[in-house]
């Protein structure tokens, strides 16, 4: 864990460390936590590395690296016995009461904890207490090292050097766990891409830190040695918004609209940076496996538009889809709250548009930079009247990529809005994953007709057995049809005839029935563990990672109960029959969610008639950790508590 004031380089430092570890052959998972202010409040980033799969973070901190005193006061006692605390030696005189950015409630909790331990409220005594508990401490004189760096690179202005404090901290951390300087250089190159001079100067700082460690802490170890290991799988290190952006490019999205909102805006910022990309060059495909994209664009461009608000964002995306391009918008809870009218318009006009939602803490502005899964039911039912839509949720980075492609395919195949539901935990987490396989990203445009329609009869909303009608883009030669928010006939003419109304409602709803029938089971749910188990965990979205890691921890501990995990990926239309089949023999069903009500459990009861026997929920704005889920499962199985609310995190 690395922490410091927001704006001090915590994010770039952690990413440099994560990439350095990944380049040594390890799998990594990182989680970023930050306040909803621009600069100054506490920020921290946790990175977990493993030779095997790693999908979440743990409460057990092996190495805590701090830039400031507040990080030590907040997290020093989270370091496990045998771990390490790296801190600024010149901050030992700092007092808890002088940490002006610390929330009063948190300060009171820390003050109470220190009082109960008989520890004075200054950093020096906190460090001493941590050391006495079995944690190794590494005081580093950052300012002295910065002056040394300045001498070496010819820079005497301290203000120009202070940003390299984070590199010093990362380098000491990496040296402590046996990391090689070559891999750290790769990490710094990743963090400061395209800025060679910055990388060069930071490598000088890294060498100074390595030299200082070897001189003052020679032989010190915490029993971890990150020696390079072979890893034959090509991997990338990405966060959630980036991998969804990549998925949209490969899926053939050519119009993305957005209004800035945390954390969804990061996806659109990424796409703005990639508005031109190498699908084609000089008429030849750079990537033959993406040949389907030729029908979408001959140039490999994506138009990204920042609109004046979320109403305009959804409406502009609908306009793009009507014109025949694959179009989407990305938003978070408060922004999506403004979109249901446009969503309904898309439903009644059978427009294939994709809405990517990154759920965060609510209600209202709520916790804008924190985690929650409270938008599930709203995503399914938001809107006026009864309108078909598809809602799918991804559980990790790899799923997010392929689900993005599926979202566009579903939208065009069934001619309806598709909501791709993710959450803050995925958006701002970082994970190393295998390079996605474009061959798995085949584009399906459904009954899309492009070309001259002169002399042909065309009914845009023709009533068919499947409910799906041939679709042509507006402006097609030889075609006239109408779009309206009112009920209409097959041509789009407004109609209030009761028989027409019944026929059109049934037509639209048949498409949802078709989707429920055609979408294969493996795209609806994923099952992990022993399917003969009588104890099942059910969940959706980003809780997948900590649940799988928790089950692995339980197996390593020799836990003697058979456990299985059902991850629901298609939330609407809900796969009720499939869920009943899988959970039919379950004696105990534990619903794990990051919301107050247990919304998946409610949906499961409503559609499948199955009610969870127990509930583990968390809604304090911090994501589940693997150790937290492990402990909660143990508690539920030991005590049979019906509702367990967990509250870890700071």
Foldseek 3Di string as FASTA:
>chain_A
DEKDKAPLCQVLLVQLLQQLLVVLPWWKKKFKDDAPDRIGAMIHMDMDTDNDDFQFFFLEDQEYFYAALVSCLQCLVSHDALGEYEYAQVQQAAFLVPSVNDDPVSSVVSVVVCVVVVFHRTNNRSVVVSVVVRYHYHHDNLQVLLCVLCVVVVHDPVVVRSSLSSLLRSLLVCVQQARDLVSSLVSSCVSVPPPVVVSVSSSSSSVSSNVVCCVPVNPDHSPHHSHRDDDPFAKDKDFQLCLLLVLCLLLQAAEEEEADAPPFVVNLVNLVVPQFDQCDDPQHGPDVLSVVNVVQDSGSGHHYYYDPALCVRLQVQQLVQLQPGAGEYEEEDVRVLPHQVSQLLQQLLLGQYEYEYAYAADDPCGRRQFKFDPCQVCVQDPYDDDGDEWEFEDAASLSSSQVSSVSSQLCQQLSHYYYYYAYSRRRRMIIMDGDDDSNSSDHHRHLEDAAAQAPHDDFQQDQDPQLHGRGYRPPHHRDDADRDSARDARRRHHDPPPVRVVSNVVSSVSSLVVCLVPDDPVQFKDKDFDLVFQEEEEEEHNVVSLQVLLVVVCVVVVPDGGYMYMYGGTLPVHNQVVVCVSNVRHPAYEYEGADDPSVSQVSNCVRNVDHGQAYEYEHQRHDDHNVNVNVVVVVCVVPVHRYHYDYDDD
